[in-house]
Amino acid sequence: MNSDFLFVYGTLLQNADNDMSRFLAAHSKVKGKAYFFGKLYKISWFPGAILSDDTSNKVHGTCIKLTNTEATLSALDDYEGYDANDLESSLFTRQLVTIYDENDASYKAWVYLYNQNIEGETRIPSGDFLNETKP
């Protein structure tokens, strides 16, 4: 299965205002706010999300529809430290995940999930990176 949708929850959000968020904004259209069942952690200056079976754990972000999906994902793979041929050392993995929009309609979108040990990392209980890290 494939998808032209991407769920972003951290430095790729448009209001994160960095080179890659601006690149992504130029190669996509915002579909709307969304969430998936997961846990969010503050890894460094960036967040990392993992999946959760507990439906009370939500990671909040934005779903976007990519244009030129393959080339855009390739650039994002580099940014996220994802190497499909070396999953073990990849900082993130890109997976198709069921996400939910504001009306709780579900669909599949690509999500970059944190792929390293989360032990000792700070959990962001709200699941909302930008609101959690505002001064």
C-alpha atoms as a PDB file:
ATOM      1  CA  MET A   1       0.000   0.000   0.000  1.00  0.00           C
ATOM      2  CA  ASN A   2       1.090   3.533  -0.654  1.00  0.00           C
ATOM      3  CA  SER A   3      -0.152   6.974   0.301  1.00  0.00           C
ATOM      4  CA  ASP A   4       0.259  10.600  -0.725  1.00  0.00           C
ATOM      5  CA  PHE A   5      -0.551  11.672   2.833  1.00  0.00           C
ATOM      6  CA  LEU A   6       2.077  12.514   5.445  1.00  0.00           C
ATOM      7  CA  PHE A   7       1.436  13.167   9.127  1.00  0.00           C
ATOM      8  CA  VAL A   8       3.838  15.667  10.715  1.00  0.00           C
ATOM      9  CA  TYR A   9       4.122  16.423  14.434  1.00  0.00           C
ATOM     10  CA  GLY A  10       7.369  18.299  15.055  1.00  0.00           C
ATOM     11  CA  THR A  11      10.010  20.166  13.101  1.00  0.00           C
ATOM     12  CA  LEU A  12       8.183  19.547   9.801  1.00  0.00           C
ATOM     13  CA  LEU A  13       5.060  21.432  10.892  1.00  0.00           C
ATOM     14  CA  GLN A  14       4.608  24.604   8.834  1.00  0.00           C
ATOM     15  CA  ASN A  15       4.731  26.867  11.888  1.00  0.00           C
ATOM     16  CA  ALA A  16       8.031  25.252  12.978  1.00  0.00           C
ATOM     17  CA  ASP A  17       9.510  27.732  10.474  1.00  0.00           C
ATOM     18  CA  ASN A  18      12.743  26.072   9.376  1.00  0.00           C
ATOM     19  CA  ASP A  19      14.237  25.146   6.004  1.00  0.00           C
ATOM     20  CA  MET A  20      12.643  21.684   5.877  1.00  0.00           C
ATOM     21  CA  SER A  21       9.201  22.859   7.036  1.00  0.00           C
ATOM     22  CA  ARG A  22       9.306  25.512   4.281  1.00  0.00           C
ATOM     23  CA  PHE A  23      10.461  22.868   1.744  1.00  0.00           C
ATOM     24  CA  LEU A  24       7.576  20.631   2.753  1.00  0.00           C
ATOM     25  CA  ALA A  25       5.068  23.510   2.599  1.00  0.00           C
ATOM     26  CA  ALA A  26       6.174  24.148  -0.990  1.00  0.00           C
ATOM     27  CA  HIS A  27       5.600  20.483  -1.901  1.00  0.00           C
ATOM     28  CA  SER A  28       2.291  19.788  -0.189  1.00  0.00           C
ATOM     29  CA  LYS A  29      -1.179  20.989   0.701  1.00  0.00           C
ATOM     30  CA  VAL A  30      -2.491  20.960   4.264  1.00  0.00           C
ATOM     31  CA  LYS A  31      -5.375  18.534   4.746  1.00  0.00           C
ATOM     32  CA  GLY A  32      -5.957  19.421   8.404  1.00  0.00           C
ATOM     33  CA  LYS A  33      -5.303  18.628  12.018  1.00  0.00           C
ATOM     34  CA  ALA A  34      -5.016  14.961  12.877  1.00  0.00           C
ATOM     35  CA  TYR A  35      -3.693  12.508  15.447  1.00  0.00           C
ATOM     36  CA  PHE A  36      -2.570   8.914  15.818  1.00  0.00           C
ATOM     37  CA  PHE A  37      -2.302   6.628  18.812  1.00  0.00           C
ATOM     38  CA  GLY A  38       1.210   7.039  20.131  1.00  0.00           C
ATOM     39  CA  LYS A  39       3.514   8.598  22.684  1.00  0.00           C
ATOM     40  CA  LEU A  40       5.591  11.695  22.067  1.00  0.00           C
ATOM     41  CA  TYR A  41       9.030  12.391  23.536  1.00  0.00           C
ATOM     42  CA  LYS A  42      11.386  15.362  23.512  1.00  0.00           C
ATOM     43  CA  ILE A  43      14.570  13.779  22.174  1.00  0.00           C
ATOM     44  CA  SER A  44      16.726  16.877  21.740  1.00  0.00           C
ATOM     45  CA  TRP A  45      15.619  20.014  19.918  1.00  0.00           C
ATOM     46  CA  PHE A  46      13.214  17.722  18.074  1.00  0.00           C
ATOM     47  CA  PRO A  47      10.475  15.287  19.108  1.00  0.00           C
ATOM     48  CA  GLY A  48      10.168  11.571  18.491  1.00  0.00           C
ATOM     49  CA  ALA A  49       6.940   9.591  18.446  1.00  0.00           C
ATOM     50  CA  ILE A  50       6.324   5.894  18.925  1.00  0.00           C
ATOM     51  CA  LEU A  51       3.128   3.906  18.383  1.00  0.00           C
ATOM     52  CA  SER A  52       0.872   2.967  21.300  1.00  0.00           C
ATOM     53  CA  ASP A  53      -1.981   0.480  21.637  1.00  0.00           C
ATOM     54  CA  ASP A  54      -3.506   2.696  24.345  1.00  0.00           C
ATOM     55  CA  THR A  55      -6.124   4.937  22.711  1.00  0.00           C
ATOM     56  CA  SER A  56      -5.683   7.530  25.478  1.00  0.00           C
ATOM     57  CA  ASN A  57      -2.165   8.222  24.129  1.00  0.00           C
ATOM     58  CA  LYS A  58      -2.382  10.565  21.144  1.00  0.00           C
ATOM     59  CA  VAL A  59       0.232  12.361  19.089  1.00  0.00           C
ATOM     60  CA  HIS A  60      -1.240  15.543  17.585  1.00  0.00           C
ATOM     61  CA  GLY A  61      -0.124  17.136  14.349  1.00  0.00           C
ATOM     62  CA  THR A  62      -1.136  17.930  10.797  1.00  0.00           C
ATOM     63  CA  CYS A  63      -1.939  15.727   7.835  1.00  0.00           C
ATOM     64  CA  ILE A  64      -0.688  17.005   4.515  1.00  0.00           C
ATOM     65  CA  LYS A  65      -1.100  15.758   0.947  1.00  0.00           C
ATOM     66  CA  LEU A  66       2.233  15.567  -0.859  1.00  0.00           C
ATOM     67  CA  THR A  67       2.893  16.646  -4.410  1.00  0.00           C
ATOM     68  CA  ASN A  68       5.622  14.703  -6.189  1.00  0.00           C
ATOM     69  CA  THR A  69       5.387  12.203  -3.344  1.00  0.00           C
ATOM     70  CA  GLU A  70       8.397  10.018  -4.159  1.00  0.00           C
ATOM     71  CA  ALA A  71      10.910  12.879  -4.516  1.00  0.00           C
ATOM     72  CA  THR A  72       9.538  14.721  -1.472  1.00  0.00           C
ATOM     73  CA  LEU A  73       9.698  11.600   0.719  1.00  0.00           C
ATOM     74  CA  SER A  74      13.241  10.928  -0.479  1.00  0.00           C
ATOM     75  CA  ALA A  75      14.350  14.388   0.709  1.00  0.00           C
ATOM     76  CA  LEU A  76      12.504  13.916   3.992  1.00  0.00           C
ATOM     77  CA  ASP A  77      14.061  10.469   4.505  1.00  0.00           C
ATOM     78  CA  ASP A  78      17.486  12.117   4.449  1.00  0.00           C
ATOM     79  CA  TYR A  79      16.360  14.833   6.875  1.00  0.00           C
ATOM     80  CA  GLU A  80      14.856  12.295   9.292  1.00  0.00           C
ATOM     81  CA  GLY A  81      17.870   9.969   9.196  1.00  0.00           C
ATOM     82  CA  TYR A  82      15.848   7.134   7.660  1.00  0.00           C
ATOM     83  CA  ASP A  83      17.640   4.533   5.543  1.00  0.00           C
ATOM     84  CA  ALA A  84      15.357   1.735   4.318  1.00  0.00           C
ATOM     85  CA  ASN A  85      18.460  -0.431   3.821  1.00  0.00           C
ATOM     86  CA  ASP A  86      19.759   0.131   7.363  1.00  0.00           C
ATOM     87  CA  LEU A  87      16.772   0.226   9.699  1.00  0.00           C
ATOM     88  CA  GLU A  88      18.795  -0.581  12.804  1.00  0.00           C
ATOM     89  CA  SER A  89      20.861   2.588  12.699  1.00  0.00           C
ATOM     90  CA  SER A  90      18.087   4.823  11.294  1.00  0.00           C
ATOM     91  CA  LEU A  91      17.110   7.620  13.666  1.00  0.00           C
ATOM     92  CA  PHE A  92      13.513   7.405  12.404  1.00  0.00           C
ATOM     93  CA  THR A  93      11.595   4.903  10.316  1.00  0.00           C
ATOM     94  CA  ARG A  94       8.857   5.871   7.860  1.00  0.00           C
ATOM     95  CA  GLN A  95       5.724   3.787   8.290  1.00  0.00           C
ATOM     96  CA  LEU A  96       2.139   3.851   7.070  1.00  0.00           C
ATOM     97  CA  VAL A  97       0.003   4.497  10.136  1.00  0.00           C
ATOM     98  CA  THR A  98      -3.727   4.889  10.661  1.00  0.00           C
ATOM     99  CA  ILE A  99      -4.384   8.520  11.512  1.00  0.00           C
ATOM    100  CA  TYR A 100      -7.615  10.252  12.478  1.00  0.00           C
ATOM    101  CA  ASP A 101      -8.867  13.680  11.464  1.00  0.00           C
ATOM    102  CA  GLU A 102     -10.903  16.087  13.581  1.00  0.00           C
ATOM    103  CA  ASN A 103     -14.087  14.152  12.713  1.00  0.00           C
ATOM    104  CA  ASP A 104     -12.419  10.866  13.719  1.00  0.00           C
ATOM    105  CA  ALA A 105     -12.417   9.641  10.110  1.00  0.00           C
ATOM    106  CA  SER A 106      -9.428   7.341   9.624  1.00  0.00           C
ATOM    107  CA  TYR A 107      -6.991   6.941   6.764  1.00  0.00           C
ATOM    108  CA  LYS A 108      -3.402   5.862   6.143  1.00  0.00           C
ATOM    109  CA  ALA A 109      -0.546   8.343   6.144  1.00  0.00           C
ATOM    110  CA  TRP A 110       3.217   8.159   6.288  1.00  0.00           C
ATOM    111  CA  VAL A 111       4.633   8.963   9.726  1.00  0.00           C
ATOM    112  CA  TYR A 112       8.257   9.222  10.806  1.00  0.00           C
ATOM    113  CA  LEU A 113       8.488   7.215  14.025  1.00  0.00           C
ATOM    114  CA  TYR A 114      11.434   7.428  16.404  1.00  0.00           C
ATOM    115  CA  ASN A 115      13.606   4.335  16.027  1.00  0.00           C
ATOM    116  CA  GLN A 116      16.034   4.566  18.930  1.00  0.00           C
ATOM    117  CA  ASN A 117      15.806   3.831  22.663  1.00  0.00           C
ATOM    118  CA  ILE A 118      13.404   6.188  24.473  1.00  0.00           C
ATOM    119  CA  GLU A 119      14.656   5.235  27.933  1.00  0.00           C
ATOM    120  CA  GLY A 120      15.546   8.409  29.808  1.00  0.00           C
ATOM    121  CA  GLU A 121      13.849  10.690  27.269  1.00  0.00           C
ATOM    122  CA  THR A 122      11.239  13.203  28.479  1.00  0.00           C
ATOM    123  CA  ARG A 123       7.664  12.333  27.574  1.00  0.00           C
ATOM    124  CA  ILE A 124       5.417  15.094  26.245  1.00  0.00           C
ATOM    125  CA  PRO A 125       2.110  14.032  27.847  1.00  0.00           C
ATOM    126  CA  SER A 126      -0.055  16.378  25.721  1.00  0.00           C
ATOM    127  CA  GLY A 127       1.248  14.775  22.521  1.00  0.00           C
ATOM    128  CA  ASP A 128       1.556  18.287  21.057  1.00  0.00           C
ATOM    129  CA  PHE A 129       5.190  19.275  20.460  1.00  0.00           C
ATOM    130  CA  LEU A 130       4.890  22.935  19.431  1.00  0.00           C
ATOM    131  CA  ASN A 131       2.400  23.876  22.166  1.00  0.00           C
ATOM    132  CA  GLU A 132       4.417  21.983  24.781  1.00  0.00           C
ATOM    133  CA  THR A 133       7.679  23.715  23.919  1.00  0.00           C
ATOM    134  CA  LYS A 134       6.443  27.309  23.699  1.00  0.00           C
ATOM    135  CA  PRO A 135       8.143  29.567  26.266  1.00  0.00           C
END
